[in-house]
Amino acid sequence: MVETLQRRQAIEPSEISQESNSLLRITWADGRVCDYQAAMLRRACPCAQCVNEWTGQRTLKPEVISDEVEINDLSIVGRYALNFRWSDSHETGIYSFQYLRDLCEQ
């Protein structure tokens, strides 16, 4: 029971703040704070344009994403994810809280 609660807290954000156009900070319910650079997040986009839906292979080449890419807007999707509008006009990726936490732990 305690382990389940800790696992759930690990993927529930208590605060989401866009620190700048190039930095997102998430404070998780378990106290962990994760900073995400915009370019890293954009390169990790999980959408069908960036990842082959059948094989799971990343089709987006990281080198085509500029280090200068910015977060123009972000929105919460339900109670489980974030969606970003990027300065390169991409906006189809839905980043689950679990995916964001996993990115932080890598």
PDB file of N, CA and C in Angstrom:
ATOM      1  N   MET A   1       0.830  -1.196   0.000  1.00  0.00           N
ATOM      2  CA  MET A   1       0.000   0.000   0.000  1.00  0.00           C
ATOM      3  C   MET A   1       0.874   1.259   0.000  1.00  0.00           C
ATOM      4  N   VAL A   2       1.875   1.320   0.877  1.00  0.00           N
ATOM      5  CA  VAL A   2       2.757   2.488   0.943  1.00  0.00           C
ATOM      6  C   VAL A   2       3.538   2.623  -0.354  1.00  0.00           C
ATOM      7  N   GLU A   3       4.018   1.491  -0.893  1.00  0.00           N
ATOM      8  CA  GLU A   3       4.768   1.515  -2.148  1.00  0.00           C
ATOM      9  C   GLU A   3       3.898   2.037  -3.287  1.00  0.00           C
ATOM     10  N   THR A   4       2.629   1.628  -3.341  1.00  0.00           N
ATOM     11  CA  THR A   4       1.706   2.099  -4.365  1.00  0.00           C
ATOM     12  C   THR A   4       1.500   3.599  -4.241  1.00  0.00           C
ATOM     13  N   LEU A   5       1.331   4.110  -3.043  1.00  0.00           N
ATOM     14  CA  LEU A   5       1.160   5.544  -2.822  1.00  0.00           C
ATOM     15  C   LEU A   5       2.402   6.308  -3.261  1.00  0.00           C
ATOM     16  N   GLN A   6       3.574   5.800  -2.921  1.00  0.00           N
ATOM     17  CA  GLN A   6       4.817   6.459  -3.318  1.00  0.00           C
ATOM     18  C   GLN A   6       4.965   6.474  -4.836  1.00  0.00           C
ATOM     19  N   ARG A   7       4.611   5.389  -5.485  1.00  0.00           N
ATOM     20  CA  ARG A   7       4.699   5.309  -6.937  1.00  0.00           C
ATOM     21  C   ARG A   7       3.738   6.302  -7.582  1.00  0.00           C
ATOM     22  N   ARG A   8       2.523   6.408  -7.036  1.00  0.00           N
ATOM     23  CA  ARG A   8       1.541   7.344  -7.561  1.00  0.00           C
ATOM     24  C   ARG A   8       2.010   8.779  -7.370  1.00  0.00           C
ATOM     25  N   GLN A   9       2.570   9.084  -6.198  1.00  0.00           N
ATOM     26  CA  GLN A   9       3.075  10.426  -5.940  1.00  0.00           C
ATOM     27  C   GLN A   9       4.213  10.788  -6.893  1.00  0.00           C
ATOM     28  N   ALA A  10       4.985   9.798  -7.277  1.00  0.00           N
ATOM     29  CA  ALA A  10       6.122  10.045  -8.160  1.00  0.00           C
ATOM     30  C   ALA A  10       5.677  10.551  -9.528  1.00  0.00           C
ATOM     31  N   ILE A  11       4.437  10.263  -9.913  1.00  0.00           N
ATOM     32  CA  ILE A  11       3.971  10.719 -11.227  1.00  0.00           C
ATOM     33  C   ILE A  11       2.864  11.766 -11.138  1.00  0.00           C
ATOM     34  N   GLU A  12       2.669  12.352  -9.967  1.00  0.00           N
ATOM     35  CA  GLU A  12       1.697  13.433  -9.814  1.00  0.00           C
ATOM     36  C   GLU A  12       2.442  14.738  -9.552  1.00  0.00           C
ATOM     37  N   PRO A  13       2.319  15.696 -10.480  1.00  0.00           N
ATOM     38  CA  PRO A  13       2.987  16.977 -10.228  1.00  0.00           C
ATOM     39  C   PRO A  13       2.228  17.786  -9.180  1.00  0.00           C
ATOM     40  N   SER A  14       2.969  18.428  -8.291  1.00  0.00           N
ATOM     41  CA  SER A  14       2.333  19.353  -7.354  1.00  0.00           C
ATOM     42  C   SER A  14       2.460  20.788  -7.869  1.00  0.00           C
ATOM     43  N   GLU A  15       3.442  21.016  -8.749  1.00  0.00           N
ATOM     44  CA  GLU A  15       3.592  22.340  -9.369  1.00  0.00           C
ATOM     45  C   GLU A  15       4.252  22.188 -10.729  1.00  0.00           C
ATOM     46  N   ILE A  16       3.713  22.910 -11.706  1.00  0.00           N
ATOM     47  CA  ILE A  16       4.280  22.961 -13.051  1.00  0.00           C
ATOM     48  C   ILE A  16       4.506  24.431 -13.354  1.00  0.00           C
ATOM     49  N   SER A  17       5.751  24.806 -13.648  1.00  0.00           N
ATOM     50  CA  SER A  17       6.023  26.213 -13.930  1.00  0.00           C
ATOM     51  C   SER A  17       6.948  26.352 -15.128  1.00  0.00           C
ATOM     52  N   GLN A  18       6.542  27.227 -16.031  1.00  0.00           N
ATOM     53  CA  GLN A  18       7.393  27.547 -17.169  1.00  0.00           C
ATOM     54  C   GLN A  18       8.298  28.679 -16.717  1.00  0.00           C
ATOM     55  N   GLU A  19       9.546  28.339 -16.424  1.00  0.00           N
ATOM     56  CA  GLU A  19      10.508  29.293 -15.878  1.00  0.00           C
ATOM     57  C   GLU A  19      10.944  30.310 -16.926  1.00  0.00           C
ATOM     58  N   SER A  20      10.987  29.880 -18.181  1.00  0.00           N
ATOM     59  CA  SER A  20      11.328  30.740 -19.314  1.00  0.00           C
ATOM     60  C   SER A  20      10.822  30.039 -20.567  1.00  0.00           C
ATOM     61  N   ASN A  21      11.082  30.623 -21.735  1.00  0.00           N
ATOM     62  CA  ASN A  21      10.668  29.972 -22.982  1.00  0.00           C
ATOM     63  C   ASN A  21      11.460  28.712 -23.268  1.00  0.00           C
ATOM     64  N   SER A  22      12.550  28.524 -22.526  1.00  0.00           N
ATOM     65  CA  SER A  22      13.382  27.353 -22.784  1.00  0.00           C
ATOM     66  C   SER A  22      13.513  26.417 -21.579  1.00  0.00           C
ATOM     67  N   LEU A  23      12.766  26.690 -20.502  1.00  0.00           N
ATOM     68  CA  LEU A  23      12.886  25.855 -19.306  1.00  0.00           C
ATOM     69  C   LEU A  23      11.535  25.615 -18.633  1.00  0.00           C
ATOM     70  N   LEU A  24      11.244  24.347 -18.407  1.00  0.00           N
ATOM     71  CA  LEU A  24      10.048  23.928 -17.681  1.00  0.00           C
ATOM     72  C   LEU A  24      10.508  23.272 -16.390  1.00  0.00           C
ATOM     73  N   ARG A  25       9.840  23.584 -15.286  1.00  0.00           N
ATOM     74  CA  ARG A  25      10.157  22.956 -14.001  1.00  0.00           C
ATOM     75  C   ARG A  25       8.899  22.266 -13.484  1.00  0.00           C
ATOM     76  N   ILE A  26       9.071  21.018 -13.079  1.00  0.00           N
ATOM     77  CA  ILE A  26       7.971  20.277 -12.453  1.00  0.00           C
ATOM     78  C   ILE A  26       8.428  19.838 -11.071  1.00  0.00           C
ATOM     79  N   THR A  27       7.635  20.191 -10.070  1.00  0.00           N
ATOM     80  CA  THR A  27       7.832  19.678  -8.717  1.00  0.00           C
ATOM     81  C   THR A  27       6.802  18.571  -8.542  1.00  0.00           C
ATOM     82  N   TRP A  28       7.292  17.391  -8.255  1.00  0.00           N
ATOM     83  CA  TRP A  28       6.430  16.222  -8.125  1.00  0.00           C
ATOM     84  C   TRP A  28       5.929  16.102  -6.683  1.00  0.00           C
ATOM     85  N   ALA A  29       4.817  15.399  -6.510  1.00  0.00           N
ATOM     86  CA  ALA A  29       4.196  15.250  -5.190  1.00  0.00           C
ATOM     87  C   ALA A  29       5.120  14.587  -4.177  1.00  0.00           C
ATOM     88  N   ASP A  30       6.089  13.804  -4.652  1.00  0.00           N
ATOM     89  CA  ASP A  30       7.029  13.162  -3.727  1.00  0.00           C
ATOM     90  C   ASP A  30       8.208  14.072  -3.379  1.00  0.00           C
ATOM     91  N   GLY A  31       8.181  15.337  -3.863  1.00  0.00           N
ATOM     92  CA  GLY A  31       9.216  16.306  -3.525  1.00  0.00           C
ATOM     93  C   GLY A  31      10.314  16.458  -4.557  1.00  0.00           C
ATOM     94  N   ARG A  32      10.404  15.559  -5.511  1.00  0.00           N
ATOM     95  CA  ARG A  32      11.441  15.633  -6.557  1.00  0.00           C
ATOM     96  C   ARG A  32      11.158  16.839  -7.455  1.00  0.00           C
ATOM     97  N   VAL A  33      12.198  17.603  -7.778  1.00  0.00           N
ATOM     98  CA  VAL A  33      12.089  18.747  -8.684  1.00  0.00           C
ATOM     99  C   VAL A  33      12.878  18.413  -9.943  1.00  0.00           C
ATOM    100  N   CYS A  34      12.242  18.567 -11.100  1.00  0.00           N
ATOM    101  CA  CYS A  34      12.880  18.253 -12.372  1.00  0.00           C
ATOM    102  C   CYS A  34      12.825  19.469 -13.283  1.00  0.00           C
ATOM    103  N   ASP A  35      13.979  19.811 -13.850  1.00  0.00           N
ATOM    104  CA  ASP A  35      14.066  20.882 -14.837  1.00  0.00           C
ATOM    105  C   ASP A  35      14.223  20.251 -16.213  1.00  0.00           C
ATOM    106  N   TYR A  36      13.455  20.760 -17.164  1.00  0.00           N
ATOM    107  CA  TYR A  36      13.464  20.237 -18.523  1.00  0.00           C
ATOM    108  C   TYR A  36      13.806  21.363 -19.488  1.00  0.00           C
ATOM    109  N   GLN A  37      14.856  21.172 -20.270  1.00  0.00           N
ATOM    110  CA  GLN A  37      15.201  22.120 -21.318  1.00  0.00           C
ATOM    111  C   GLN A  37      14.258  21.907 -22.504  1.00  0.00           C
ATOM    112  N   ALA A  38      13.813  22.998 -23.114  1.00  0.00           N
ATOM    113  CA  ALA A  38      12.857  22.911 -24.217  1.00  0.00           C
ATOM    114  C   ALA A  38      13.363  22.028 -25.348  1.00  0.00           C
ATOM    115  N   ALA A  39      14.607  22.219 -25.766  1.00  0.00           N
ATOM    116  CA  ALA A  39      15.136  21.434 -26.887  1.00  0.00           C
ATOM    117  C   ALA A  39      15.122  19.941 -26.571  1.00  0.00           C
ATOM    118  N   MET A  40      15.462  19.559 -25.350  1.00  0.00           N
ATOM    119  CA  MET A  40      15.448  18.152 -24.957  1.00  0.00           C
ATOM    120  C   MET A  40      14.025  17.600 -25.024  1.00  0.00           C
ATOM    121  N   LEU A  41      13.059  18.365 -24.506  1.00  0.00           N
ATOM    122  CA  LEU A  41      11.665  17.911 -24.551  1.00  0.00           C
ATOM    123  C   LEU A  41      11.168  17.779 -25.977  1.00  0.00           C
ATOM    124  N   ARG A  42      11.488  18.759 -26.809  1.00  0.00           N
ATOM    125  CA  ARG A  42      11.028  18.716 -28.210  1.00  0.00           C
ATOM    126  C   ARG A  42      11.620  17.505 -28.920  1.00  0.00           C
ATOM    127  N   ARG A  43      12.887  17.218 -28.665  1.00  0.00           N
ATOM    128  CA  ARG A  43      13.549  16.061 -29.294  1.00  0.00           C
ATOM    129  C   ARG A  43      12.966  14.731 -28.797  1.00  0.00           C
ATOM    130  N   ALA A  44      12.349  14.756 -27.617  1.00  0.00           N
ATOM    131  CA  ALA A  44      11.767  13.545 -27.025  1.00  0.00           C
ATOM    132  C   ALA A  44      10.269  13.430 -27.302  1.00  0.00           C
ATOM    133  N   CYS A  45       9.757  14.236 -28.222  1.00  0.00           N
ATOM    134  CA  CYS A  45       8.316  14.229 -28.496  1.00  0.00           C
ATOM    135  C   CYS A  45       7.823  12.808 -28.788  1.00  0.00           C
ATOM    136  N   PRO A  46       6.750  12.390 -28.092  1.00  0.00           N
ATOM    137  CA  PRO A  46       6.254  11.032 -28.258  1.00  0.00           C
ATOM    138  C   PRO A  46       5.148  10.869 -29.313  1.00  0.00           C
ATOM    139  N   CYS A  47       4.880  11.909 -30.105  1.00  0.00           N
ATOM    140  CA  CYS A  47       3.743  11.838 -31.027  1.00  0.00           C
ATOM    141  C   CYS A  47       4.018  10.917 -32.221  1.00  0.00           C
ATOM    142  N   ALA A  48       2.974  10.625 -32.985  1.00  0.00           N
ATOM    143  CA  ALA A  48       3.077   9.714 -34.127  1.00  0.00           C
ATOM    144  C   ALA A  48       3.926  10.286 -35.259  1.00  0.00           C
ATOM    145  N   GLN A  49       4.102  11.597 -35.320  1.00  0.00           N
ATOM    146  CA  GLN A  49       4.983  12.177 -36.331  1.00  0.00           C
ATOM    147  C   GLN A  49       6.450  11.963 -35.969  1.00  0.00           C
ATOM    148  N   CYS A  50       6.732  11.791 -34.693  1.00  0.00           N
ATOM    149  CA  CYS A  50       8.115  11.702 -34.208  1.00  0.00           C
ATOM    150  C   CYS A  50       8.539  10.287 -33.836  1.00  0.00           C
ATOM    151  N   VAL A  51       7.567   9.413 -33.624  1.00  0.00           N
ATOM    152  CA  VAL A  51       7.843   8.021 -33.242  1.00  0.00           C
ATOM    153  C   VAL A  51       6.923   7.113 -34.052  1.00  0.00           C
ATOM    154  N   ASN A  52       7.484   6.086 -34.671  1.00  0.00           N
ATOM    155  CA  ASN A  52       6.690   5.138 -35.428  1.00  0.00           C
ATOM    156  C   ASN A  52       5.736   4.413 -34.478  1.00  0.00           C
ATOM    157  N   GLU A  53       4.447   4.516 -34.757  1.00  0.00           N
ATOM    158  CA  GLU A  53       3.436   3.930 -33.866  1.00  0.00           C
ATOM    159  C   GLU A  53       3.513   2.414 -33.785  1.00  0.00           C
ATOM    160  N   TRP A  54       3.989   1.772 -34.841  1.00  0.00           N
ATOM    161  CA  TRP A  54       4.014   0.307 -34.879  1.00  0.00           C
ATOM    162  C   TRP A  54       5.268  -0.257 -34.242  1.00  0.00           C
ATOM    163  N   THR A  55       6.393   0.384 -34.495  1.00  0.00           N
ATOM    164  CA  THR A  55       7.657  -0.171 -34.015  1.00  0.00           C
ATOM    165  C   THR A  55       8.168   0.505 -32.750  1.00  0.00           C
ATOM    166  N   GLY A  56       7.677   1.723 -32.484  1.00  0.00           N
ATOM    167  CA  GLY A  56       8.179   2.491 -31.350  1.00  0.00           C
ATOM    168  C   GLY A  56       9.507   3.165 -31.642  1.00  0.00           C
ATOM    169  N   GLN A  57      10.008   3.006 -32.875  1.00  0.00           N
ATOM    170  CA  GLN A  57      11.283   3.605 -33.254  1.00  0.00           C
ATOM    171  C   GLN A  57      11.115   5.113 -33.480  1.00  0.00           C
ATOM    172  N   ARG A  58      12.050   5.874 -32.933  1.00  0.00           N
ATOM    173  CA  ARG A  58      12.031   7.330 -33.097  1.00  0.00           C
ATOM    174  C   ARG A  58      12.358   7.663 -34.542  1.00  0.00           C
ATOM    175  N   THR A  59      11.469   8.416 -35.199  1.00  0.00           N
ATOM    176  CA  THR A  59      11.690   8.832 -36.583  1.00  0.00           C
ATOM    177  C   THR A  59      12.213  10.266 -36.650  1.00  0.00           C
ATOM    178  N   LEU A  60      11.976  11.039 -35.614  1.00  0.00           N
ATOM    179  CA  LEU A  60      12.494  12.400 -35.550  1.00  0.00           C
ATOM    180  C   LEU A  60      14.001  12.341 -35.327  1.00  0.00           C
ATOM    181  N   LYS A  61      14.734  12.989 -36.185  1.00  0.00           N
ATOM    182  CA  LYS A  61      16.189  13.063 -36.030  1.00  0.00           C
ATOM    183  C   LYS A  61      16.510  14.217 -35.087  1.00  0.00           C
ATOM    184  N   PRO A  62      17.159  13.949 -33.952  1.00  0.00           N
ATOM    185  CA  PRO A  62      17.424  14.998 -32.956  1.00  0.00           C
ATOM    186  C   PRO A  62      18.151  16.212 -33.530  1.00  0.00           C
ATOM    187  N   GLU A  63      19.029  15.979 -34.496  1.00  0.00           N
ATOM    188  CA  GLU A  63      19.819  17.078 -35.038  1.00  0.00           C
ATOM    189  C   GLU A  63      18.995  18.090 -35.842  1.00  0.00           C
ATOM    190  N   VAL A  64      17.763  17.738 -36.223  1.00  0.00           N
ATOM    191  CA  VAL A  64      16.948  18.706 -36.968  1.00  0.00           C
ATOM    192  C   VAL A  64      16.248  19.702 -36.034  1.00  0.00           C
ATOM    193  N   ILE A  65      16.286  19.430 -34.735  1.00  0.00           N
ATOM    194  CA  ILE A  65      15.665  20.336 -33.762  1.00  0.00           C
ATOM    195  C   ILE A  65      16.726  21.304 -33.251  1.00  0.00           C
ATOM    196  N   SER A  66      16.460  22.576 -33.441  1.00  0.00           N
ATOM    197  CA  SER A  66      17.392  23.619 -33.015  1.00  0.00           C
ATOM    198  C   SER A  66      17.519  23.671 -31.504  1.00  0.00           C
ATOM    199  N   ASP A  67      18.707  23.971 -31.016  1.00  0.00           N
ATOM    200  CA  ASP A  67      18.908  24.192 -29.587  1.00  0.00           C
ATOM    201  C   ASP A  67      18.132  25.415 -29.115  1.00  0.00           C
ATOM    202  N   GLU A  68      17.704  26.247 -30.057  1.00  0.00           N
ATOM    203  CA  GLU A  68      16.992  27.488 -29.744  1.00  0.00           C
ATOM    204  C   GLU A  68      15.472  27.322 -29.718  1.00  0.00           C
ATOM    205  N   VAL A  69      14.969  26.105 -29.937  1.00  0.00           N
ATOM    206  CA  VAL A  69      13.522  25.893 -29.925  1.00  0.00           C
ATOM    207  C   VAL A  69      12.961  26.328 -28.570  1.00  0.00           C
ATOM    208  N   GLU A  70      11.767  26.914 -28.601  1.00  0.00           N
ATOM    209  CA  GLU A  70      11.159  27.434 -27.373  1.00  0.00           C
ATOM    210  C   GLU A  70       9.760  26.872 -27.169  1.00  0.00           C
ATOM    211  N   ILE A  71       9.330  26.936 -25.928  1.00  0.00           N
ATOM    212  CA  ILE A  71       7.956  26.580 -25.568  1.00  0.00           C
ATOM    213  C   ILE A  71       7.122  27.852 -25.733  1.00  0.00           C
ATOM    214  N   ASN A  72       6.237  27.856 -26.734  1.00  0.00           N
ATOM    215  CA  ASN A  72       5.364  29.016 -26.928  1.00  0.00           C
ATOM    216  C   ASN A  72       4.148  28.966 -26.013  1.00  0.00           C
ATOM    217  N   ASP A  73       3.693  27.744 -25.724  1.00  0.00           N
ATOM    218  CA  ASP A  73       2.517  27.579 -24.876  1.00  0.00           C
ATOM    219  C   ASP A  73       2.495  26.139 -24.379  1.00  0.00           C
ATOM    220  N   LEU A  74       1.863  25.935 -23.250  1.00  0.00           N
ATOM    221  CA  LEU A  74       1.653  24.571 -22.767  1.00  0.00           C
ATOM    222  C   LEU A  74       0.291  24.491 -22.120  1.00  0.00           C
ATOM    223  N   SER A  75      -0.281  23.300 -22.178  1.00  0.00           N
ATOM    224  CA  SER A  75      -1.592  23.092 -21.567  1.00  0.00           C
ATOM    225  C   SER A  75      -1.625  21.713 -20.921  1.00  0.00           C
ATOM    226  N   ILE A  76      -2.464  21.598 -19.915  1.00  0.00           N
ATOM    227  CA  ILE A  76      -2.644  20.320 -19.223  1.00  0.00           C
ATOM    228  C   ILE A  76      -3.708  19.523 -19.972  1.00  0.00           C
ATOM    229  N   VAL A  77      -3.429  18.264 -20.199  1.00  0.00           N
ATOM    230  CA  VAL A  77      -4.363  17.362 -20.867  1.00  0.00           C
ATOM    231  C   VAL A  77      -4.954  16.466 -19.789  1.00  0.00           C
ATOM    232  N   GLY A  78      -6.242  16.649 -19.516  1.00  0.00           N
ATOM    233  CA  GLY A  78      -6.881  15.865 -18.463  1.00  0.00           C
ATOM    234  C   GLY A  78      -6.131  16.022 -17.154  1.00  0.00           C
ATOM    235  N   ARG A  79      -5.931  14.905 -16.477  1.00  0.00           N
ATOM    236  CA  ARG A  79      -5.156  14.899 -15.224  1.00  0.00           C
ATOM    237  C   ARG A  79      -3.918  14.027 -15.375  1.00  0.00           C
ATOM    238  N   TYR A  80      -3.458  13.895 -16.652  1.00  0.00           N
ATOM    239  CA  TYR A  80      -2.384  12.920 -16.859  1.00  0.00           C
ATOM    240  C   TYR A  80      -1.249  13.372 -17.758  1.00  0.00           C
ATOM    241  N   ALA A  81      -1.336  14.553 -18.387  1.00  0.00           N
ATOM    242  CA  ALA A  81      -0.319  14.881 -19.383  1.00  0.00           C
ATOM    243  C   ALA A  81      -0.229  16.381 -19.650  1.00  0.00           C
ATOM    244  N   LEU A  82       0.824  16.742 -20.398  1.00  0.00           N
ATOM    245  CA  LEU A  82       1.005  18.106 -20.897  1.00  0.00           C
ATOM    246  C   LEU A  82       1.099  18.068 -22.412  1.00  0.00           C
ATOM    247  N   ASN A  83       0.655  19.141 -23.036  1.00  0.00           N
ATOM    248  CA  ASN A  83       0.805  19.346 -24.470  1.00  0.00           C
ATOM    249  C   ASN A  83       1.524  20.671 -24.665  1.00  0.00           C
ATOM    250  N   PHE A  84       2.493  20.687 -25.560  1.00  0.00           N
ATOM    251  CA  PHE A  84       3.289  21.881 -25.813  1.00  0.00           C
ATOM    252  C   PHE A  84       3.019  22.422 -27.209  1.00  0.00           C
ATOM    253  N   ARG A  85       3.068  23.727 -27.342  1.00  0.00           N
ATOM    254  CA  ARG A  85       3.110  24.378 -28.644  1.00  0.00           C
ATOM    255  C   ARG A  85       4.522  24.934 -28.758  1.00  0.00           C
ATOM    256  N   TRP A  86       5.287  24.405 -29.715  1.00  0.00           N
ATOM    257  CA  TRP A  86       6.692  24.747 -29.861  1.00  0.00           C
ATOM    258  C   TRP A  86       6.886  25.878 -30.865  1.00  0.00           C
ATOM    259  N   SER A  87       8.007  26.564 -30.760  1.00  0.00           N
ATOM    260  CA  SER A  87       8.319  27.662 -31.676  1.00  0.00           C
ATOM    261  C   SER A  87       8.545  27.183 -33.110  1.00  0.00           C
ATOM    262  N   ASP A  88       8.746  25.868 -33.310  1.00  0.00           N
ATOM    263  CA  ASP A  88       8.878  25.337 -34.672  1.00  0.00           C
ATOM    264  C   ASP A  88       7.526  24.884 -35.232  1.00  0.00           C
ATOM    265  N   SER A  89       6.432  25.310 -34.574  1.00  0.00           N
ATOM    266  CA  SER A  89       5.040  25.049 -34.974  1.00  0.00           C
ATOM    267  C   SER A  89       4.550  23.637 -34.673  1.00  0.00           C
ATOM    268  N   HIS A  90       5.366  22.798 -34.093  1.00  0.00           N
ATOM    269  CA  HIS A  90       4.936  21.448 -33.728  1.00  0.00           C
ATOM    270  C   HIS A  90       4.058  21.539 -32.477  1.00  0.00           C
ATOM    271  N   GLU A  91       2.980  20.756 -32.436  1.00  0.00           N
ATOM    272  CA  GLU A  91       2.099  20.817 -31.265  1.00  0.00           C
ATOM    273  C   GLU A  91       1.267  19.566 -31.045  1.00  0.00           C
ATOM    274  N   THR A  92       1.666  18.452 -31.622  1.00  0.00           N
ATOM    275  CA  THR A  92       0.825  17.253 -31.522  1.00  0.00           C
ATOM    276  C   THR A  92       1.227  16.282 -30.415  1.00  0.00           C
ATOM    277  N   GLY A  93       2.346  16.503 -29.763  1.00  0.00           N
ATOM    278  CA  GLY A  93       2.798  15.559 -28.746  1.00  0.00           C
ATOM    279  C   GLY A  93       2.064  15.710 -27.425  1.00  0.00           C
ATOM    280  N   ILE A  94       1.653  14.594 -26.868  1.00  0.00           N
ATOM    281  CA  ILE A  94       1.062  14.571 -25.526  1.00  0.00           C
ATOM    282  C   ILE A  94       2.052  13.840 -24.628  1.00  0.00           C
ATOM    283  N   TYR A  95       2.608  14.577 -23.680  1.00  0.00           N
ATOM    284  CA  TYR A  95       3.634  14.065 -22.776  1.00  0.00           C
ATOM    285  C   TYR A  95       2.967  13.665 -21.467  1.00  0.00           C
ATOM    286  N   SER A  96       2.779  12.364 -21.256  1.00  0.00           N
ATOM    287  CA  SER A  96       2.145  11.915 -20.017  1.00  0.00           C
ATOM    288  C   SER A  96       3.048  12.275 -18.840  1.00  0.00           C
ATOM    289  N   PHE A  97       2.446  12.430 -17.678  1.00  0.00           N
ATOM    290  CA  PHE A  97       3.250  12.714 -16.484  1.00  0.00           C
ATOM    291  C   PHE A  97       4.242  11.572 -16.236  1.00  0.00           C
ATOM    292  N   GLN A  98       3.822  10.342 -16.511  1.00  0.00           N
ATOM    293  CA  GLN A  98       4.741   9.204 -16.342  1.00  0.00           C
ATOM    294  C   GLN A  98       5.935   9.363 -17.282  1.00  0.00           C
ATOM    295  N   TYR A  99       5.694   9.745 -18.530  1.00  0.00           N
ATOM    296  CA  TYR A  99       6.772   9.928 -19.506  1.00  0.00           C
ATOM    297  C   TYR A  99       7.713  11.043 -19.063  1.00  0.00           C
ATOM    298  N   LEU A 100       7.146  12.147 -18.578  1.00  0.00           N
ATOM    299  CA  LEU A 100       7.977  13.267 -18.108  1.00  0.00           C
ATOM    300  C   LEU A 100       8.822  12.849 -16.902  1.00  0.00           C
ATOM    301  N   ARG A 101       8.227  12.104 -15.998  1.00  0.00           N
ATOM    302  CA  ARG A 101       8.998  11.649 -14.836  1.00  0.00           C
ATOM    303  C   ARG A 101      10.122  10.701 -15.270  1.00  0.00           C
ATOM    304  N   ASP A 102       9.821   9.823 -16.212  1.00  0.00           N
ATOM    305  CA  ASP A 102      10.844   8.920 -16.734  1.00  0.00           C
ATOM    306  C   ASP A 102      11.974   9.691 -17.389  1.00  0.00           C
ATOM    307  N   LEU A 103      11.653  10.739 -18.149  1.00  0.00           N
ATOM    308  CA  LEU A 103      12.687  11.571 -18.765  1.00  0.00           C
ATOM    309  C   LEU A 103      13.571  12.201 -17.698  1.00  0.00           C
ATOM    310  N   CYS A 104      12.965  12.614 -16.621  1.00  0.00           N
ATOM    311  CA  CYS A 104      13.714  13.238 -15.528  1.00  0.00           C
ATOM    312  C   CYS A 104      14.682  12.245 -14.887  1.00  0.00           C
ATOM    313  N   GLU A 105      14.267  11.021 -14.777  1.00  0.00           N
ATOM    314  CA  GLU A 105      15.076  10.005 -14.091  1.00  0.00           C
ATOM    315  C   GLU A 105      16.206   9.465 -14.973  1.00  0.00           C
ATOM    316  N   GLN A 106      16.177   9.744 -16.256  1.00  0.00           N
ATOM    317  CA  GLN A 106      17.224   9.246 -17.160  1.00  0.00           C
ATOM    318  C   GLN A 106      18.486  10.046 -17.034  1.00  0.00           C
TER     319      GLN A 106
END
